[in-house]
Each structure stands twice: as C-alpha cells, then as structure tokens.
mmCIF file of all heavy atoms, coordinates in Angstrom:
data_MODEL
# 
_entry.id   MODEL 
# 
loop_
_atom_site.group_PDB 
_atom_site.id 
_atom_site.type_symbol 
_atom_site.label_atom_id 
_atom_site.label_alt_id 
_atom_site.label_comp_id 
_atom_site.label_asym_id 
_atom_site.label_entity_id 
_atom_site.label_seq_id 
_atom_site.pdbx_PDB_ins_code 
_atom_site.Cartn_x 
_atom_site.Cartn_y 
_atom_site.Cartn_z 
_atom_site.occupancy 
_atom_site.B_iso_or_equiv 
_atom_site.pdbx_formal_charge 
_atom_site.auth_seq_id 
_atom_site.auth_comp_id 
_atom_site.auth_asym_id 
_atom_site.auth_atom_id 
_atom_site.pdbx_PDB_model_num 
ATOM 1   N N   . ILE A 1 1  ? -66.885 5.118  -18.620 1.00 0.00 ? 1  ILE A N   1 
ATOM 2   C CA  . ILE A 1 1  ? -68.265 5.525  -18.930 1.00 0.00 ? 1  ILE A CA  1 
ATOM 3   C C   . ILE A 1 1  ? -69.238 4.965  -17.892 1.00 0.00 ? 1  ILE A C   1 
ATOM 4   O O   . ILE A 1 1  ? -70.193 5.631  -17.489 1.00 0.00 ? 1  ILE A O   1 
ATOM 5   C CB  . ILE A 1 1  ? -68.655 5.061  -20.351 1.00 0.00 ? 1  ILE A CB  1 
ATOM 6   C CG1 . ILE A 1 1  ? -67.740 5.749  -21.377 1.00 0.00 ? 1  ILE A CG1 1 
ATOM 7   C CG2 . ILE A 1 1  ? -70.120 5.368  -20.647 1.00 0.00 ? 1  ILE A CG2 1 
ATOM 8   C CD1 . ILE A 1 1  ? -67.881 5.215  -22.787 1.00 0.00 ? 1  ILE A CD1 1 
ATOM 9   N N   . GLY A 1 2  ? -68.997 3.733  -17.444 1.00 0.00 ? 2  GLY A N   1 
ATOM 10  C CA  . GLY A 1 2  ? -69.853 3.118  -16.430 1.00 0.00 ? 2  GLY A CA  1 
ATOM 11  C C   . GLY A 1 2  ? -69.887 3.947  -15.155 1.00 0.00 ? 2  GLY A C   1 
ATOM 12  O O   . GLY A 1 2  ? -70.948 4.147  -14.554 1.00 0.00 ? 2  GLY A O   1 
ATOM 13  N N   . GLN A 1 3  ? -68.729 4.442  -14.747 1.00 0.00 ? 3  GLN A N   1 
ATOM 14  C CA  . GLN A 1 3  ? -68.662 5.289  -13.544 1.00 0.00 ? 3  GLN A CA  1 
ATOM 15  C C   . GLN A 1 3  ? -69.423 6.591  -13.790 1.00 0.00 ? 3  GLN A C   1 
ATOM 16  O O   . GLN A 1 3  ? -70.105 7.101  -12.902 1.00 0.00 ? 3  GLN A O   1 
ATOM 17  C CB  . GLN A 1 3  ? -67.200 5.598  -13.184 1.00 0.00 ? 3  GLN A CB  1 
ATOM 18  C CG  . GLN A 1 3  ? -67.023 6.345  -11.865 1.00 0.00 ? 3  GLN A CG  1 
ATOM 19  C CD  . GLN A 1 3  ? -67.489 5.535  -10.665 1.00 0.00 ? 3  GLN A CD  1 
ATOM 20  O OE1 . GLN A 1 3  ? -67.085 4.388  -10.481 1.00 0.00 ? 3  GLN A OE1 1 
ATOM 21  N NE2 . GLN A 1 3  ? -68.336 6.130  -9.835  1.00 0.00 ? 3  GLN A NE2 1 
ATOM 22  N N   . GLY A 1 4  ? -69.300 7.115  -15.008 1.00 0.00 ? 4  GLY A N   1 
ATOM 23  C CA  . GLY A 1 4  ? -70.025 8.341  -15.353 1.00 0.00 ? 4  GLY A CA  1 
ATOM 24  C C   . GLY A 1 4  ? -71.533 8.154  -15.258 1.00 0.00 ? 4  GLY A C   1 
ATOM 25  O O   . GLY A 1 4  ? -72.248 9.024  -14.747 1.00 0.00 ? 4  GLY A O   1 
ATOM 26  N N   . LEU A 1 5  ? -72.010 7.021  -15.755 1.00 0.00 ? 5  LEU A N   1 
ATOM 27  C CA  . LEU A 1 5  ? -73.441 6.719  -15.648 1.00 0.00 ? 5  LEU A CA  1 
ATOM 28  C C   . LEU A 1 5  ? -73.871 6.613  -14.184 1.00 0.00 ? 5  LEU A C   1 
ATOM 29  O O   . LEU A 1 5  ? -74.886 7.174  -13.771 1.00 0.00 ? 5  LEU A O   1 
ATOM 30  C CB  . LEU A 1 5  ? -73.759 5.410  -16.376 1.00 0.00 ? 5  LEU A CB  1 
ATOM 31  C CG  . LEU A 1 5  ? -73.835 5.462  -17.905 1.00 0.00 ? 5  LEU A CG  1 
ATOM 32  C CD1 . LEU A 1 5  ? -73.850 4.053  -18.483 1.00 0.00 ? 5  LEU A CD1 1 
ATOM 33  C CD2 . LEU A 1 5  ? -75.083 6.227  -18.361 1.00 0.00 ? 5  LEU A CD2 1 
ATOM 34  N N   . LYS A 1 6  ? -73.074 5.883  -13.434 1.00 0.00 ? 6  LYS A N   1 
ATOM 35  C CA  . LYS A 1 6  ? -73.395 5.671  -12.010 1.00 0.00 ? 6  LYS A CA  1 
ATOM 36  C C   . LYS A 1 6  ? -73.470 7.003  -11.266 1.00 0.00 ? 6  LYS A C   1 
ATOM 37  O O   . LYS A 1 6  ? -74.394 7.241  -10.482 1.00 0.00 ? 6  LYS A O   1 
ATOM 38  C CB  . LYS A 1 6  ? -72.322 4.767  -11.390 1.00 0.00 ? 6  LYS A CB  1 
ATOM 39  C CG  . LYS A 1 6  ? -72.639 4.289  -9.990  1.00 0.00 ? 6  LYS A CG  1 
ATOM 40  C CD  . LYS A 1 6  ? -71.576 3.298  -9.522  1.00 0.00 ? 6  LYS A CD  1 
ATOM 41  C CE  . LYS A 1 6  ? -71.854 2.828  -8.109  1.00 0.00 ? 6  LYS A CE  1 
ATOM 42  N NZ  . LYS A 1 6  ? -70.822 1.865  -7.648  1.00 0.00 ? 6  LYS A NZ  1 
ATOM 43  N N   . ASP A 1 7  ? -72.505 7.893  -11.528 1.00 0.00 ? 7  ASP A N   1 
ATOM 44  C CA  . ASP A 1 7  ? -72.479 9.205  -10.856 1.00 0.00 ? 7  ASP A CA  1 
ATOM 45  C C   . ASP A 1 7  ? -73.676 10.061 -11.275 1.00 0.00 ? 7  ASP A C   1 
ATOM 46  O O   . ASP A 1 7  ? -74.286 10.743 -10.437 1.00 0.00 ? 7  ASP A O   1 
ATOM 47  C CB  . ASP A 1 7  ? -71.173 9.942  -11.181 1.00 0.00 ? 7  ASP A CB  1 
ATOM 48  C CG  . ASP A 1 7  ? -69.957 9.265  -10.555 1.00 0.00 ? 7  ASP A CG  1 
ATOM 49  O OD1 . ASP A 1 7  ? -70.132 8.450  -9.627  1.00 0.00 ? 7  ASP A OD1 1 
ATOM 50  O OD2 . ASP A 1 7  ? -68.822 9.554  -11.010 1.00 0.00 ? 7  ASP A OD2 1 
ATOM 51  N N   . ALA A 1 8  ? -73.996 10.023 -12.557 1.00 0.00 ? 8  ALA A N   1 
ATOM 52  C CA  . ALA A 1 8  ? -75.131 10.815 -13.048 1.00 0.00 ? 8  ALA A CA  1 
ATOM 53  C C   . ALA A 1 8  ? -76.440 10.319 -12.430 1.00 0.00 ? 8  ALA A C   1 
ATOM 54  O O   . ALA A 1 8  ? -77.279 11.115 -11.995 1.00 0.00 ? 8  ALA A O   1 
ATOM 55  C CB  . ALA A 1 8  ? -75.203 10.736 -14.570 1.00 0.00 ? 8  ALA A CB  1 
ATOM 56  N N   . PHE A 1 9  ? -76.606 8.990  -12.388 1.00 0.00 ? 9  PHE A N   1 
ATOM 57  C CA  . PHE A 1 9  ? -77.820 8.423  -11.802 1.00 0.00 ? 9  PHE A CA  1 
ATOM 58  C C   . PHE A 1 9  ? -77.957 8.819  -10.331 1.00 0.00 ? 9  PHE A C   1 
ATOM 59  O O   . PHE A 1 9  ? -79.033 9.213  -9.879  1.00 0.00 ? 9  PHE A O   1 
ATOM 60  C CB  . PHE A 1 9  ? -77.811 6.891  -11.928 1.00 0.00 ? 9  PHE A CB  1 
ATOM 61  C CG  . PHE A 1 9  ? -77.875 6.376  -13.340 1.00 0.00 ? 9  PHE A CG  1 
ATOM 62  C CD1 . PHE A 1 9  ? -77.570 5.045  -13.625 1.00 0.00 ? 9  PHE A CD1 1 
ATOM 63  C CD2 . PHE A 1 9  ? -78.255 7.196  -14.392 1.00 0.00 ? 9  PHE A CD2 1 
ATOM 64  C CE1 . PHE A 1 9  ? -77.640 4.554  -14.924 1.00 0.00 ? 9  PHE A CE1 1 
ATOM 65  C CE2 . PHE A 1 9  ? -78.322 6.723  -15.698 1.00 0.00 ? 9  PHE A CE2 1 
ATOM 66  C CZ  . PHE A 1 9  ? -78.007 5.396  -15.964 1.00 0.00 ? 9  PHE A CZ  1 
ATOM 67  N N   . ARG A 1 10 ? -76.842 8.723  -9.602  1.00 0.00 ? 10 ARG A N   1 
ATOM 68  C CA  . ARG A 1 10 ? -76.886 9.066  -8.176  1.00 0.00 ? 10 ARG A CA  1 
ATOM 69  C C   . ARG A 1 10 ? -77.223 10.546 -7.995  1.00 0.00 ? 10 ARG A C   1 
ATOM 70  O O   . ARG A 1 10 ? -78.013 10.926 -7.125  1.00 0.00 ? 10 ARG A O   1 
ATOM 71  C CB  . ARG A 1 10 ? -75.539 8.747  -7.514  1.00 0.00 ? 10 ARG A CB  1 
ATOM 72  C CG  . ARG A 1 10 ? -75.601 8.889  -5.978  1.00 0.00 ? 10 ARG A CG  1 
ATOM 73  C CD  . ARG A 1 10 ? -74.250 8.736  -5.319  1.00 0.00 ? 10 ARG A CD  1 
ATOM 74  N NE  . ARG A 1 10 ? -73.628 7.432  -5.570  1.00 0.00 ? 10 ARG A NE  1 
ATOM 75  C CZ  . ARG A 1 10 ? -72.498 7.257  -6.233  1.00 0.00 ? 10 ARG A CZ  1 
ATOM 76  N NH1 . ARG A 1 10 ? -71.836 8.299  -6.729  1.00 0.00 ? 10 ARG A NH1 1 
ATOM 77  N NH2 . ARG A 1 10 ? -72.001 6.049  -6.410  1.00 0.00 ? 10 ARG A NH2 1 
ATOM 78  N N   . GLY A 1 11 ? -76.626 11.408 -8.833  1.00 0.00 ? 11 GLY A N   1 
ATOM 79  C CA  . GLY A 1 11 ? -76.876 12.846 -8.731  1.00 0.00 ? 11 GLY A CA  1 
ATOM 80  C C   . GLY A 1 11 ? -78.335 13.195 -8.989  1.00 0.00 ? 11 GLY A C   1 
ATOM 81  O O   . GLY A 1 11 ? -78.927 14.017 -8.285  1.00 0.00 ? 11 GLY A O   1 
ATOM 82  N N   . ILE A 1 12 ? -78.939 12.554 -9.993  1.00 0.00 ? 12 ILE A N   1 
ATOM 83  C CA  . ILE A 1 12 ? -80.348 12.826 -10.317 1.00 0.00 ? 12 ILE A CA  1 
ATOM 84  C C   . ILE A 1 12 ? -81.257 12.333 -9.199  1.00 0.00 ? 12 ILE A C   1 
ATOM 85  O O   . ILE A 1 12 ? -82.223 13.008 -8.817  1.00 0.00 ? 12 ILE A O   1 
ATOM 86  C CB  . ILE A 1 12 ? -80.720 12.161 -11.669 1.00 0.00 ? 12 ILE A CB  1 
ATOM 87  C CG1 . ILE A 1 12 ? -79.975 12.865 -12.815 1.00 0.00 ? 12 ILE A CG1 1 
ATOM 88  C CG2 . ILE A 1 12 ? -82.228 12.191 -11.897 1.00 0.00 ? 12 ILE A CG2 1 
ATOM 89  C CD1 . ILE A 1 12 ? -80.067 12.152 -14.148 1.00 0.00 ? 12 ILE A CD1 1 
ATOM 90  N N   . GLU A 1 13 ? -80.961 11.165 -8.644  1.00 0.00 ? 13 GLU A N   1 
ATOM 91  C CA  . GLU A 1 13 ? -81.778 10.634 -7.546  1.00 0.00 ? 13 GLU A CA  1 
ATOM 92  C C   . GLU A 1 13 ? -81.708 11.540 -6.319  1.00 0.00 ? 13 GLU A C   1 
ATOM 93  O O   . GLU A 1 13 ? -82.722 11.783 -5.651  1.00 0.00 ? 13 GLU A O   1 
ATOM 94  C CB  . GLU A 1 13 ? -81.332 9.215  -7.189  1.00 0.00 ? 13 GLU A CB  1 
ATOM 95  C CG  . GLU A 1 13 ? -81.719 8.172  -8.231  1.00 0.00 ? 13 GLU A CG  1 
ATOM 96  C CD  . GLU A 1 13 ? -81.313 6.754  -7.839  1.00 0.00 ? 13 GLU A CD  1 
ATOM 97  O OE1 . GLU A 1 13 ? -80.847 6.568  -6.699  1.00 0.00 ? 13 GLU A OE1 1 
ATOM 98  O OE2 . GLU A 1 13 ? -81.458 5.831  -8.659  1.00 0.00 ? 13 GLU A OE2 1 
ATOM 99  N N   . LEU A 1 14 ? -80.515 12.063 -6.015  1.00 0.00 ? 14 LEU A N   1 
ATOM 100 C CA  . LEU A 1 14 ? -80.361 12.950 -4.857  1.00 0.00 ? 14 LEU A CA  1 
ATOM 101 C C   . LEU A 1 14 ? -81.106 14.270 -5.062  1.00 0.00 ? 14 LEU A C   1 
ATOM 102 O O   . LEU A 1 14 ? -81.650 14.846 -4.112  1.00 0.00 ? 14 LEU A O   1 
ATOM 103 C CB  . LEU A 1 14 ? -78.875 13.232 -4.591  1.00 0.00 ? 14 LEU A CB  1 
ATOM 104 C CG  . LEU A 1 14 ? -78.073 12.068 -3.997  1.00 0.00 ? 14 LEU A CG  1 
ATOM 105 C CD1 . LEU A 1 14 ? -76.581 12.383 -3.981  1.00 0.00 ? 14 LEU A CD1 1 
ATOM 106 C CD2 . LEU A 1 14 ? -78.562 11.744 -2.579  1.00 0.00 ? 14 LEU A CD2 1 
ATOM 107 N N   . ALA A 1 15 ? -81.152 14.730 -6.310  1.00 0.00 ? 15 ALA A N   1 
ATOM 108 C CA  . ALA A 1 15 ? -81.820 16.004 -6.602  1.00 0.00 ? 15 ALA A CA  1 
ATOM 109 C C   . ALA A 1 15 ? -83.338 15.856 -6.696  1.00 0.00 ? 15 ALA A C   1 
ATOM 110 O O   . ALA A 1 15 ? -84.065 16.855 -6.664  1.00 0.00 ? 15 ALA A O   1 
ATOM 111 C CB  . ALA A 1 15 ? -81.271 16.586 -7.906  1.00 0.00 ? 15 ALA A CB  1 
ATOM 112 N N   . ASN A 1 16 ? -83.816 14.624 -6.808  1.00 0.00 ? 16 ASN A N   1 
ATOM 113 C CA  . ASN A 1 16 ? -85.254 14.355 -6.956  1.00 0.00 ? 16 ASN A CA  1 
ATOM 114 C C   . ASN A 1 16 ? -85.661 13.239 -6.016  1.00 0.00 ? 16 ASN A C   1 
ATOM 115 O O   . ASN A 1 16 ? -85.627 12.057 -6.405  1.00 0.00 ? 16 ASN A O   1 
ATOM 116 C CB  . ASN A 1 16 ? -85.574 13.949 -8.401  1.00 0.00 ? 16 ASN A CB  1 
ATOM 117 C CG  . ASN A 1 16 ? -85.173 14.993 -9.420  1.00 0.00 ? 16 ASN A CG  1 
ATOM 118 O OD1 . ASN A 1 16 ? -85.935 15.885 -9.741  1.00 0.00 ? 16 ASN A OD1 1 
ATOM 119 N ND2 . ASN A 1 16 ? -83.952 14.887 -9.945  1.00 0.00 ? 16 ASN A ND2 1 
ATOM 120 N N   . PRO A 1 17 ? -86.020 13.562 -4.777  1.00 0.00 ? 17 PRO A N   1 
ATOM 121 C CA  . PRO A 1 17 ? -86.356 12.514 -3.796  1.00 0.00 ? 17 PRO A CA  1 
ATOM 122 C C   . PRO A 1 17 ? -87.379 11.499 -4.304  1.00 0.00 ? 17 PRO A C   1 
ATOM 123 O O   . PRO A 1 17 ? -87.317 10.322 -3.954  1.00 0.00 ? 17 PRO A O   1 
ATOM 124 C CB  . PRO A 1 17 ? -86.928 13.314 -2.620  1.00 0.00 ? 17 PRO A CB  1 
ATOM 125 C CG  . PRO A 1 17 ? -86.256 14.654 -2.727  1.00 0.00 ? 17 PRO A CG  1 
ATOM 126 C CD  . PRO A 1 17 ? -86.106 14.906 -4.197  1.00 0.00 ? 17 PRO A CD  1 
ATOM 127 N N   . LYS A 1 18 ? -88.305 11.923 -5.182  1.00 0.00 ? 18 LYS A N   1 
ATOM 128 C CA  . LYS A 1 18 ? -89.325 10.986 -5.684  1.00 0.00 ? 18 LYS A CA  1 
ATOM 129 C C   . LYS A 1 18 ? -88.720 9.927  -6.613  1.00 0.00 ? 18 LYS A C   1 
ATOM 130 O O   . LYS A 1 18 ? -89.359 8.922  -6.919  1.00 0.00 ? 18 LYS A O   1 
ATOM 131 C CB  . LYS A 1 18 ? -90.421 11.745 -6.431  1.00 0.00 ? 18 LYS A CB  1 
ATOM 132 C CG  . LYS A 1 18 ? -89.971 12.464 -7.681  1.00 0.00 ? 18 LYS A CG  1 
ATOM 133 C CD  . LYS A 1 18 ? -91.101 13.252 -8.312  1.00 0.00 ? 18 LYS A CD  1 
ATOM 134 C CE  . LYS A 1 18 ? -90.617 14.050 -9.533  1.00 0.00 ? 18 LYS A CE  1 
ATOM 135 N NZ  . LYS A 1 18 ? -91.687 14.853 -10.122 1.00 0.00 ? 18 LYS A NZ  1 
ATOM 136 N N   . LEU A 1 19 ? -87.461 10.154 -7.054  1.00 0.00 ? 19 LEU A N   1 
ATOM 137 C CA  . LEU A 1 19 ? -86.788 9.191  -7.928  1.00 0.00 ? 19 LEU A CA  1 
ATOM 138 C C   . LEU A 1 19 ? -85.794 8.314  -7.166  1.00 0.00 ? 19 LEU A C   1 
ATOM 139 O O   . LEU A 1 19 ? -85.021 7.578  -7.791  1.00 0.00 ? 19 LEU A O   1 
ATOM 140 C CB  . LEU A 1 19 ? -86.044 9.921  -9.061  1.00 0.00 ? 19 LEU A CB  1 
ATOM 141 C CG  . LEU A 1 19 ? -86.871 10.785 -10.004 1.00 0.00 ? 19 LEU A CG  1 
ATOM 142 C CD1 . LEU A 1 19 ? -86.000 11.311 -11.139 1.00 0.00 ? 19 LEU A CD1 1 
ATOM 143 C CD2 . LEU A 1 19 ? -88.054 10.018 -10.583 1.00 0.00 ? 19 LEU A CD2 1 
ATOM 144 N N   . HIS A 1 20 ? -85.824 8.359  -5.865  1.00 0.00 ? 20 HIS A N   1 
ATOM 145 C CA  . HIS A 1 20 ? -84.855 7.589  -5.069  1.00 0.00 ? 20 HIS A CA  1 
ATOM 146 C C   . HIS A 1 20 ? -84.841 6.119  -5.489  1.00 0.00 ? 20 HIS A C   1 
ATOM 147 O O   . HIS A 1 20 ? -85.872 5.450  -5.502  1.00 0.00 ? 20 HIS A O   1 
ATOM 148 C CB  . HIS A 1 20 ? -85.174 7.693  -3.576  1.00 0.00 ? 20 HIS A CB  1 
ATOM 149 C CG  . HIS A 1 20 ? -84.299 6.837  -2.721  1.00 0.00 ? 20 HIS A CG  1 
ATOM 150 N ND1 . HIS A 1 20 ? -82.968 7.122  -2.509  1.00 0.00 ? 20 HIS A ND1 1 
ATOM 151 C CD2 . HIS A 1 20 ? -84.546 5.678  -2.054  1.00 0.00 ? 20 HIS A CD2 1 
ATOM 152 C CE1 . HIS A 1 20 ? -82.442 6.186  -1.741  1.00 0.00 ? 20 HIS A CE1 1 
ATOM 153 N NE2 . HIS A 1 20 ? -83.384 5.298  -1.446  1.00 0.00 ? 20 HIS A NE2 1 
ATOM 154 N N   . GLY A 1 21 ? -83.671 5.619  -5.882  1.00 0.00 ? 21 GLY A N   1 
ATOM 155 C CA  . GLY A 1 21 ? -83.504 4.212  -6.240  1.00 0.00 ? 21 GLY A CA  1 
ATOM 156 C C   . GLY A 1 21 ? -84.057 3.823  -7.596  1.00 0.00 ? 21 GLY A C   1 
ATOM 157 O O   . GLY A 1 21 ? -84.027 2.644  -7.963  1.00 0.00 ? 21 GLY A O   1 
ATOM 158 N N   . ILE A 1 22 ? -84.527 4.794  -8.386  1.00 0.00 ? 22 ILE A N   1 
ATOM 159 C CA  . ILE A 1 22 ? -85.228 4.449  -9.631  1.00 0.00 ? 22 ILE A CA  1 
ATOM 160 C C   . ILE A 1 22 ? -84.302 3.862  -10.700 1.00 0.00 ? 22 ILE A C   1 
ATOM 161 O O   . ILE A 1 22 ? -84.742 3.124  -11.570 1.00 0.00 ? 22 ILE A O   1 
ATOM 162 C CB  . ILE A 1 22 ? -85.984 5.676  -10.189 1.00 0.00 ? 22 ILE A CB  1 
ATOM 163 C CG1 . ILE A 1 22 ? -87.087 5.201  -11.150 1.00 0.00 ? 22 ILE A CG1 1 
ATOM 164 C CG2 . ILE A 1 22 ? -85.027 6.674  -10.860 1.00 0.00 ? 22 ILE A CG2 1 
ATOM 165 C CD1 . ILE A 1 22 ? -88.113 6.248  -11.499 1.00 0.00 ? 22 ILE A CD1 1 
ATOM 166 N N   . PHE A 1 23 ? -82.995 4.158  -10.616 1.00 0.00 ? 23 PHE A N   1 
ATOM 167 C CA  . PHE A 1 23 ? -82.073 3.628  -11.619 1.00 0.00 ? 23 PHE A CA  1 
ATOM 168 C C   . PHE A 1 23 ? -81.554 2.236  -11.269 1.00 0.00 ? 23 PHE A C   1 
ATOM 169 O O   . PHE A 1 23 ? -80.745 1.667  -11.995 1.00 0.00 ? 23 PHE A O   1 
ATOM 170 C CB  . PHE A 1 23 ? -80.897 4.595  -11.828 1.00 0.00 ? 23 PHE A CB  1 
ATOM 171 C CG  . PHE A 1 23 ? -81.286 5.864  -12.536 1.00 0.00 ? 23 PHE A CG  1 
ATOM 172 C CD1 . PHE A 1 23 ? -81.456 7.041  -11.831 1.00 0.00 ? 23 PHE A CD1 1 
ATOM 173 C CD2 . PHE A 1 23 ? -81.500 5.873  -13.896 1.00 0.00 ? 23 PHE A CD2 1 
ATOM 174 C CE1 . PHE A 1 23 ? -81.826 8.219  -12.478 1.00 0.00 ? 23 PHE A CE1 1 
ATOM 175 C CE2 . PHE A 1 23 ? -81.869 7.037  -14.564 1.00 0.00 ? 23 PHE A CE2 1 
ATOM 176 C CZ  . PHE A 1 23 ? -82.032 8.215  -13.851 1.00 0.00 ? 23 PHE A CZ  1 
ATOM 177 N N   . GLY A 1 24 ? -82.035 1.684  -10.160 1.00 0.00 ? 24 GLY A N   1 
ATOM 178 C CA  . GLY A 1 24 ? -81.650 0.319  -9.807  1.00 0.00 ? 24 GLY A CA  1 
ATOM 179 C C   . GLY A 1 24 ? -80.228 0.219  -9.295  1.00 0.00 ? 24 GLY A C   1 
ATOM 180 O O   . GLY A 1 24 ? -79.618 1.212  -8.892  1.00 0.00 ? 24 GLY A O   1 
ATOM 181 N N   . ASP A 1 25 ? -79.709 -0.996 -9.332  1.00 0.00 ? 25 ASP A N   1 
ATOM 182 C CA  . ASP A 1 25 ? -78.377 -1.234 -8.740  1.00 0.00 ? 25 ASP A CA  1 
ATOM 183 C C   . ASP A 1 25 ? -77.486 -2.034 -9.686  1.00 0.00 ? 25 ASP A C   1 
ATOM 184 O O   . ASP A 1 25 ? -76.701 -2.875 -9.253  1.00 0.00 ? 25 ASP A O   1 
ATOM 185 C CB  . ASP A 1 25 ? -78.520 -1.962 -7.395  1.00 0.00 ? 25 ASP A CB  1 
ATOM 186 C CG  . ASP A 1 25 ? -79.144 -3.349 -7.544  1.00 0.00 ? 25 ASP A CG  1 
ATOM 187 O OD1 . ASP A 1 25 ? -79.711 -3.630 -8.623  1.00 0.00 ? 25 ASP A OD1 1 
ATOM 188 O OD2 . ASP A 1 25 ? -79.062 -4.141 -6.594  1.00 0.00 ? 25 ASP A OD2 1 
ATOM 189 N N   . ALA A 1 26 ? -77.588 -1.782 -10.986 1.00 0.00 ? 26 ALA A N   1 
ATOM 190 C CA  . ALA A 1 26 ? -76.758 -2.509 -11.958 1.00 0.00 ? 26 ALA A CA  1 
ATOM 191 C C   . ALA A 1 26 ? -75.275 -2.214 -11.720 1.00 0.00 ? 26 ALA A C   1 
ATOM 192 O O   . ALA A 1 26 ? -74.901 -1.140 -11.253 1.00 0.00 ? 26 ALA A O   1 
ATOM 193 C CB  . ALA A 1 26 ? -77.147 -2.109 -13.382 1.00 0.00 ? 26 ALA A CB  1 
ATOM 194 N N   . SER A 1 27 ? -74.438 -3.188 -12.069 1.00 0.00 ? 27 SER A N   1 
ATOM 195 C CA  . SER A 1 27 ? -72.985 -3.032 -11.855 1.00 0.00 ? 27 SER A CA  1 
ATOM 196 C C   . SER A 1 27 ? -72.360 -2.319 -13.048 1.00 0.00 ? 27 SER A C   1 
ATOM 197 O O   . SER A 1 27 ? -71.676 -2.927 -13.879 1.00 0.00 ? 27 SER A O   1 
ATOM 198 C CB  . SER A 1 27 ? -72.343 -4.413 -11.639 1.00 0.00 ? 27 SER A CB  1 
ATOM 199 O OG  . SER A 1 27 ? -72.704 -5.287 -12.699 1.00 0.00 ? 27 SER A OG  1 
ATOM 200 N N   . TRP A 1 28 ? -72.602 -1.018 -13.138 1.00 0.00 ? 28 TRP A N   1 
ATOM 201 C CA  . TRP A 1 28 ? -72.138 -0.224 -14.282 1.00 0.00 ? 28 TRP A CA  1 
ATOM 202 C C   . TRP A 1 28 ? -70.612 -0.163 -14.385 1.00 0.00 ? 28 TRP A C   1 
ATOM 203 O O   . TRP A 1 28 ? -70.062 0.038  -15.470 1.00 0.00 ? 28 TRP A O   1 
ATOM 204 C CB  . TRP A 1 28 ? -72.706 1.192  -14.204 1.00 0.00 ? 28 TRP A CB  1 
ATOM 205 C CG  . TRP A 1 28 ? -74.194 1.230  -14.332 1.00 0.00 ? 28 TRP A CG  1 
ATOM 206 C CD1 . TRP A 1 28 ? -75.096 1.426  -13.330 1.00 0.00 ? 28 TRP A CD1 1 
ATOM 207 C CD2 . TRP A 1 28 ? -74.964 1.037  -15.526 1.00 0.00 ? 28 TRP A CD2 1 
ATOM 208 N NE1 . TRP A 1 28 ? -76.379 1.358  -13.818 1.00 0.00 ? 28 TRP A NE1 1 
ATOM 209 C CE2 . TRP A 1 28 ? -76.325 1.122  -15.164 1.00 0.00 ? 28 TRP A CE2 1 
ATOM 210 C CE3 . TRP A 1 28 ? -74.624 0.782  -16.860 1.00 0.00 ? 28 TRP A CE3 1 
ATOM 211 C CZ2 . TRP A 1 28 ? -77.351 0.981  -16.090 1.00 0.00 ? 28 TRP A CZ2 1 
ATOM 212 C CZ3 . TRP A 1 28 ? -75.644 0.644  -17.789 1.00 0.00 ? 28 TRP A CZ3 1 
ATOM 213 C CH2 . TRP A 1 28 ? -76.995 0.742  -17.406 1.00 0.00 ? 28 TRP A CH2 1 
ATOM 214 N N   . THR A 1 29 ? -69.937 -0.322 -13.262 1.00 0.00 ? 29 THR A N   1 
ATOM 215 C CA  . THR A 1 29 ? -68.465 -0.165 -13.272 1.00 0.00 ? 29 THR A CA  1 
ATOM 216 C C   . THR A 1 29 ? -67.735 -1.486 -13.490 1.00 0.00 ? 29 THR A C   1 
ATOM 217 O O   . THR A 1 29 ? -66.503 -1.525 -13.460 1.00 0.00 ? 29 THR A O   1 
ATOM 218 C CB  . THR A 1 29 ? -67.986 0.468  -11.954 1.00 0.00 ? 29 THR A CB  1 
ATOM 219 O OG1 . THR A 1 29 ? -68.473 -0.316 -10.853 1.00 0.00 ? 29 THR A OG1 1 
ATOM 220 C CG2 . THR A 1 29 ? -68.512 1.893  -11.811 1.00 0.00 ? 29 THR A CG2 1 
ATOM 221 N N   . ASN A 1 30 ? -68.476 -2.571 -13.723 1.00 0.00 ? 30 ASN A N   1 
ATOM 222 C CA  . ASN A 1 30 ? -67.854 -3.864 -13.989 1.00 0.00 ? 30 ASN A CA  1 
ATOM 223 C C   . ASN A 1 30 ? -67.412 -3.905 -15.458 1.00 0.00 ? 30 ASN A C   1 
ATOM 224 O O   . ASN A 1 30 ? -68.198 -4.181 -16.359 1.00 0.00 ? 30 ASN A O   1 
ATOM 225 C CB  . ASN A 1 30 ? -68.848 -4.999 -13.698 1.00 0.00 ? 30 ASN A CB  1 
ATOM 226 C CG  . ASN A 1 30 ? -68.244 -6.376 -13.902 1.00 0.00 ? 30 ASN A CG  1 
ATOM 227 O OD1 . ASN A 1 30 ? -67.232 -6.534 -14.583 1.00 0.00 ? 30 ASN A OD1 1 
ATOM 228 N ND2 . ASN A 1 30 ? -68.883 -7.380 -13.325 1.00 0.00 ? 30 ASN A ND2 1 
# 
C-alpha cells in the first residue's frame, strides 16, 4: 500500500506542475 501511495502522489504531482513536491518525502515504503 505504501508503494501505491507513493506512485499515486508522484503521478498527481507530475500531472499538476503547481503541486510539485506537495506530498513531501515521507518513507511510505518503509
């Protein structure tokens, strides 16, 4: 699930330049 969150966050940021980096850098896959 952590990887799923990470992938979703990255996909949304790439699709919305104004949201770049907005989900932070938490270690979701740990």
